[in-house]
Amino acid sequence: MIMAKYSKGASKKVEKVMHEMKEGKLKSGSGKKVTDPKQAVAIGLSEARKEGAKVPKKAAGKKAATKKVASKKAAPKKTATKKSAPKKAAVKKSAKKAASK
């Protein structure tokens, strides 16, 4: 017999949070309205976890490690930048200084 990944309590919590999102009442931690269903599910699972429902651990550590490795490989090397030509105002000031001497 295969055991359920999520408890009934967790399922109920996610269902309740999804309903709130569809009504436009669900807010994120920063206070902004949640419109993404994936974010709503994540909020529901997080709340269920806090209440002690059976929910697997977050896999954030594994994803963060793979993102760091991928970003290091994809980062382009910096090249030397060319110096821009002096601006007209600076050229005029230096010309006036030279003329006054």
C-alpha atoms as a PDB file:
ATOM      1  CA  MET A   1       0.000   0.000   0.000  1.00  0.00           C
ATOM      2  CA  ILE A   2       1.337   3.435  -0.980  1.00  0.00           C
ATOM      3  CA  MET A   3       1.169   6.103   1.695  1.00  0.00           C
ATOM      4  CA  ALA A   4      -0.225   9.527   0.859  1.00  0.00           C
ATOM      5  CA  LYS A   5       2.339  12.281   0.380  1.00  0.00           C
ATOM      6  CA  TYR A   6       0.093  14.951   1.916  1.00  0.00           C
ATOM      7  CA  SER A   7      -2.367  14.623   4.793  1.00  0.00           C
ATOM      8  CA  LYS A   8      -6.070  15.394   4.508  1.00  0.00           C
ATOM      9  CA  GLY A   9      -5.513  18.471   6.659  1.00  0.00           C
ATOM     10  CA  ALA A  10      -2.926  19.769   4.224  1.00  0.00           C
ATOM     11  CA  SER A  11      -5.279  19.153   1.299  1.00  0.00           C
ATOM     12  CA  LYS A  12      -8.075  21.035   3.048  1.00  0.00           C
ATOM     13  CA  LYS A  13      -5.748  23.955   3.800  1.00  0.00           C
ATOM     14  CA  VAL A  14      -4.586  24.192   0.181  1.00  0.00           C
ATOM     15  CA  GLU A  15      -8.210  23.982  -1.001  1.00  0.00           C
ATOM     16  CA  LYS A  16      -9.187  26.827   1.360  1.00  0.00           C
ATOM     17  CA  VAL A  17      -6.252  29.004   0.245  1.00  0.00           C
ATOM     18  CA  MET A  18      -7.030  28.404  -3.448  1.00  0.00           C
ATOM     19  CA  HIS A  19     -10.608  29.503  -2.803  1.00  0.00           C
ATOM     20  CA  GLU A  20      -9.323  32.691  -1.134  1.00  0.00           C
ATOM     21  CA  MET A  21      -7.074  33.357  -4.133  1.00  0.00           C
ATOM     22  CA  LYS A  22      -9.946  32.957  -6.583  1.00  0.00           C
ATOM     23  CA  GLU A  23     -12.018  35.409  -4.537  1.00  0.00           C
ATOM     24  CA  GLY A  24      -9.101  37.856  -4.539  1.00  0.00           C
ATOM     25  CA  LYS A  25      -8.711  37.814  -0.747  1.00  0.00           C
ATOM     26  CA  LEU A  26      -5.366  35.980  -0.491  1.00  0.00           C
ATOM     27  CA  LYS A  27      -2.372  38.174   0.351  1.00  0.00           C
ATOM     28  CA  SER A  28       1.303  37.259   0.345  1.00  0.00           C
ATOM     29  CA  GLY A  29       3.682  37.969   3.212  1.00  0.00           C
ATOM     30  CA  SER A  30       4.441  41.413   1.792  1.00  0.00           C
ATOM     31  CA  GLY A  31       0.726  42.252   1.676  1.00  0.00           C
ATOM     32  CA  LYS A  32       0.314  42.096  -2.098  1.00  0.00           C
ATOM     33  CA  LYS A  33      -2.571  40.193  -3.664  1.00  0.00           C
ATOM     34  CA  VAL A  34      -1.693  36.673  -4.847  1.00  0.00           C
ATOM     35  CA  THR A  35      -2.737  35.872  -8.439  1.00  0.00           C
ATOM     36  CA  ASP A  36      -0.496  32.888  -9.248  1.00  0.00           C
ATOM     37  CA  PRO A  37      -2.013  29.472  -8.404  1.00  0.00           C
ATOM     38  CA  LYS A  38       1.445  27.982  -7.743  1.00  0.00           C
ATOM     39  CA  GLN A  39       2.130  30.660  -5.147  1.00  0.00           C
ATOM     40  CA  ALA A  40      -1.271  29.988  -3.562  1.00  0.00           C
ATOM     41  CA  VAL A  41      -0.471  26.270  -3.247  1.00  0.00           C
ATOM     42  CA  ALA A  42       2.911  27.122  -1.707  1.00  0.00           C
ATOM     43  CA  ILE A  43       1.214  29.392   0.841  1.00  0.00           C
ATOM     44  CA  GLY A  44      -1.339  26.674   1.665  1.00  0.00           C
ATOM     45  CA  LEU A  45       1.350  24.035   2.182  1.00  0.00           C
ATOM     46  CA  SER A  46       3.395  26.426   4.304  1.00  0.00           C
ATOM     47  CA  GLU A  47       0.403  27.191   6.533  1.00  0.00           C
ATOM     48  CA  ALA A  48      -0.425  23.479   6.806  1.00  0.00           C
ATOM     49  CA  ARG A  49       3.200  22.787   7.782  1.00  0.00           C
ATOM     50  CA  LYS A  50       2.956  25.398  10.560  1.00  0.00           C
ATOM     51  CA  GLU A  51      -0.235  23.755  11.858  1.00  0.00           C
ATOM     52  CA  GLY A  52       1.554  20.409  12.042  1.00  0.00           C
ATOM     53  CA  ALA A  53      -0.050  18.659   9.069  1.00  0.00           C
ATOM     54  CA  LYS A  54       1.886  15.970   7.214  1.00  0.00           C
ATOM     55  CA  VAL A  55       3.678  17.809   4.424  1.00  0.00           C
ATOM     56  CA  PRO A  56       7.052  16.841   2.897  1.00  0.00           C
ATOM     57  CA  LYS A  57      10.010  19.146   3.526  1.00  0.00           C
ATOM     58  CA  LYS A  58      10.679  21.985   1.095  1.00  0.00           C
ATOM     59  CA  ALA A  59      13.153  21.196  -1.691  1.00  0.00           C
ATOM     60  CA  ALA A  60      14.463  24.786  -1.781  1.00  0.00           C
ATOM     61  CA  GLY A  61      18.002  23.844  -0.733  1.00  0.00           C
ATOM     62  CA  LYS A  62      18.463  21.525  -3.672  1.00  0.00           C
ATOM     63  CA  LYS A  63      17.091  24.047  -6.191  1.00  0.00           C
ATOM     64  CA  ALA A  64      19.192  26.915  -4.836  1.00  0.00           C
ATOM     65  CA  ALA A  65      22.382  24.868  -5.159  1.00  0.00           C
ATOM     66  CA  THR A  66      21.675  23.985  -8.798  1.00  0.00           C
ATOM     67  CA  LYS A  67      20.825  27.615  -9.626  1.00  0.00           C
ATOM     68  CA  LYS A  68      24.165  28.807  -8.205  1.00  0.00           C
ATOM     69  CA  VAL A  69      26.118  26.296 -10.283  1.00  0.00           C
ATOM     70  CA  ALA A  70      24.191  27.165 -13.448  1.00  0.00           C
ATOM     71  CA  SER A  71      24.654  30.905 -12.951  1.00  0.00           C
ATOM     72  CA  LYS A  72      28.414  30.510 -12.479  1.00  0.00           C
ATOM     73  CA  LYS A  73      28.740  28.640 -15.774  1.00  0.00           C
ATOM     74  CA  ALA A  74      26.579  31.080 -17.723  1.00  0.00           C
ATOM     75  CA  ALA A  75      28.203  34.265 -16.403  1.00  0.00           C
ATOM     76  CA  PRO A  76      30.131  35.983 -19.224  1.00  0.00           C
ATOM     77  CA  LYS A  77      33.613  37.314 -18.571  1.00  0.00           C
ATOM     78  CA  LYS A  78      33.945  41.059 -18.214  1.00  0.00           C
ATOM     79  CA  THR A  79      36.019  42.814 -20.853  1.00  0.00           C
ATOM     80  CA  ALA A  80      37.838  46.115 -20.594  1.00  0.00           C
ATOM     81  CA  THR A  81      35.599  49.042 -21.425  1.00  0.00           C
ATOM     82  CA  LYS A  82      36.669  51.850 -23.727  1.00  0.00           C
ATOM     83  CA  LYS A  83      37.028  55.293 -22.232  1.00  0.00           C
ATOM     84  CA  SER A  84      34.529  57.764 -23.628  1.00  0.00           C
ATOM     85  CA  ALA A  85      35.668  60.955 -25.297  1.00  0.00           C
ATOM     86  CA  PRO A  86      35.760  64.031 -23.026  1.00  0.00           C
ATOM     87  CA  LYS A  87      32.523  65.983 -22.924  1.00  0.00           C
ATOM     88  CA  LYS A  88      32.236  69.331 -24.673  1.00  0.00           C
ATOM     89  CA  ALA A  89      31.772  71.275 -21.423  1.00  0.00           C
ATOM     90  CA  ALA A  90      34.994  69.849 -19.987  1.00  0.00           C
ATOM     91  CA  VAL A  91      36.841  70.680 -23.192  1.00  0.00           C
ATOM     92  CA  LYS A  92      35.573  74.287 -23.094  1.00  0.00           C
ATOM     93  CA  LYS A  93      36.648  74.713 -19.432  1.00  0.00           C
ATOM     94  CA  SER A  94      40.138  73.454 -20.161  1.00  0.00           C
ATOM     95  CA  ALA A  95      40.347  75.766 -23.201  1.00  0.00           C
ATOM     96  CA  LYS A  96      39.339  78.779 -21.074  1.00  0.00           C
ATOM     97  CA  LYS A  97      41.941  77.894 -18.410  1.00  0.00           C
ATOM     98  CA  ALA A  98      44.645  77.639 -21.065  1.00  0.00           C
ATOM     99  CA  ALA A  99      43.605  80.980 -22.627  1.00  0.00           C
ATOM    100  CA  SER A 100      43.603  82.840 -19.303  1.00  0.00           C
ATOM    101  CA  LYS A 101      47.196  81.811 -18.501  1.00  0.00           C
END
